[in-house]
């Protein structure tokens, strides 16, 4: 099968997911929230660890606490695209608002 020079092919394909770049962007966005304290790849809310982030080869792994506690119940999220990272960020913002109200 020969390629048609008129066929755009993968021209409109999204760039591959870069977990390292996504980690840097996510950390920057989380710093803007002001209610989280950052220590390396760990974020805490009112002294309680609520989020850990780790960049893998082709994914971003986030452990998110269901609620702040000394020994929180963790929920693991695997982000394999920018959309997954946005969902994680939106969910964390929603939880922070809920935690601040409690």
Protein backbone atom coordinates (compact mmCIF):
# COMPACT_ATOMS: atom_id res chain seq x y z
CA UNK A 1 0.00 0.00 0.00
CA UNK A 2 1.46 3.34 -1.02
CA UNK A 3 0.99 6.56 0.85
CA UNK A 4 -1.12 9.25 -0.75
CA UNK A 5 0.65 12.63 -0.55
CA UNK A 6 -2.78 14.29 -0.19
CA UNK A 7 -3.63 12.18 2.90
CA UNK A 8 -2.91 14.14 6.12
CA UNK A 9 -2.33 10.83 7.97
CA UNK A 10 -1.17 11.54 11.50
CA UNK A 11 -0.86 15.28 10.95
CA UNK A 12 -3.71 15.96 13.38
CA UNK A 13 -2.68 13.29 15.88
CA UNK A 14 -2.05 14.48 19.43
CA UNK A 15 1.56 14.51 20.57
CA UNK A 16 2.56 11.57 22.76
CA UNK A 17 1.92 12.02 26.48
CA UNK A 18 5.00 13.23 28.35
CA UNK A 19 4.61 12.33 32.05
CA UNK A 20 7.62 14.42 33.15
CA UNK A 21 6.23 17.58 31.53
CA UNK A 22 2.74 16.79 32.87
CA UNK A 23 4.18 16.41 36.38
CA UNK A 24 5.87 19.83 36.18
CA UNK A 25 2.69 21.50 34.89
CA UNK A 26 0.50 19.80 37.50
CA UNK A 27 2.83 20.81 40.35
CA UNK A 28 2.77 24.41 39.10
CA UNK A 29 -1.04 24.40 39.01
CA UNK A 30 -1.25 22.87 42.50
CA UNK A 31 1.12 25.50 43.93
CA UNK A 32 -1.38 28.15 42.80
CA UNK A 33 -4.08 26.60 44.99
CA UNK A 34 -2.38 28.01 48.13
CA UNK A 35 -4.18 25.54 50.44
CA UNK A 36 -1.66 22.80 49.62
CA UNK A 37 1.89 22.62 50.92
CA UNK A 38 4.44 20.96 48.64
CA UNK A 39 7.36 18.83 49.73
CA UNK A 40 9.01 17.18 46.74
CA UNK A 41 6.31 15.14 45.03
CA UNK A 42 4.06 15.11 48.09
CA UNK A 43 1.33 17.63 48.84
CA UNK A 44 -0.35 18.15 52.20
CA UNK A 45 -3.46 19.93 53.38
CA UNK A 46 -3.41 21.36 56.92
CA UNK A 47 -0.43 19.15 57.81
CA UNK A 48 -2.00 15.94 56.47
CA UNK A 49 -0.54 14.27 53.37
CA UNK A 50 -3.24 14.15 50.68
CA UNK A 51 -1.42 13.66 47.35
CA UNK A 52 1.73 11.99 46.04
CA UNK A 53 2.82 12.17 42.42
CA UNK A 54 5.23 10.01 40.44
CA UNK A 55 6.15 10.12 36.76
CA UNK A 56 6.62 6.72 35.13
CA UNK A 57 7.85 5.85 31.65
CA UNK A 58 4.57 6.62 29.88
CA UNK A 59 2.17 7.57 32.70
CA UNK A 60 1.75 9.77 35.73
CA UNK A 61 0.81 7.95 38.92
CA UNK A 62 -1.08 9.89 41.58
CA UNK A 63 -2.12 8.67 45.02
CA UNK A 64 -4.98 10.82 46.26
CA UNK A 65 -6.38 10.68 49.80
CA UNK A 66 -10.12 10.31 50.10
CA UNK A 67 -9.94 12.73 53.05
CA UNK A 68 -7.12 14.20 55.15
CA UNK A 69 -6.06 11.93 58.01
CA UNK A 70 -2.93 10.68 59.76
CA UNK A 71 -3.33 7.37 57.88
CA UNK A 72 -5.50 8.27 54.90
CA UNK A 73 -7.33 5.86 52.65
CA UNK A 74 -5.58 6.17 49.29
CA UNK A 75 -7.02 6.13 45.81
CA UNK A 76 -4.55 5.53 42.95
CA UNK A 77 -5.03 7.36 39.66
CA UNK A 78 -3.12 6.54 36.51
CA UNK A 79 -2.88 9.46 34.08
CA UNK A 80 -1.98 8.45 30.52
CA UNK A 81 -3.11 11.64 28.79
CA UNK A 82 -3.50 15.36 29.38
CA UNK A 83 -7.24 14.78 29.80
CA UNK A 84 -6.57 12.36 32.68
CA UNK A 85 -4.35 14.97 34.35
CA UNK A 86 -7.08 17.62 34.00
CA UNK A 87 -9.62 15.22 35.56
CA UNK A 88 -7.24 14.60 38.48
CA UNK A 89 -6.70 18.33 38.95
CA UNK A 90 -10.46 19.06 38.84
CA UNK A 91 -11.18 16.27 41.32
CA UNK A 92 -8.51 17.55 43.69
CA UNK A 93 -9.91 21.10 43.53
CA UNK A 94 -13.39 19.74 44.30
CA UNK A 95 -12.06 17.76 47.27
CA UNK A 96 -10.13 20.75 48.61
CA UNK A 97 -13.29 22.85 48.58
CA UNK A 98 -15.13 20.07 50.40
CA UNK A 99 -12.34 19.65 52.97
CA UNK A 100 -12.22 23.40 53.62
CA UNK A 101 -15.98 23.40 54.28
CA UNK A 102 -15.77 20.49 56.75
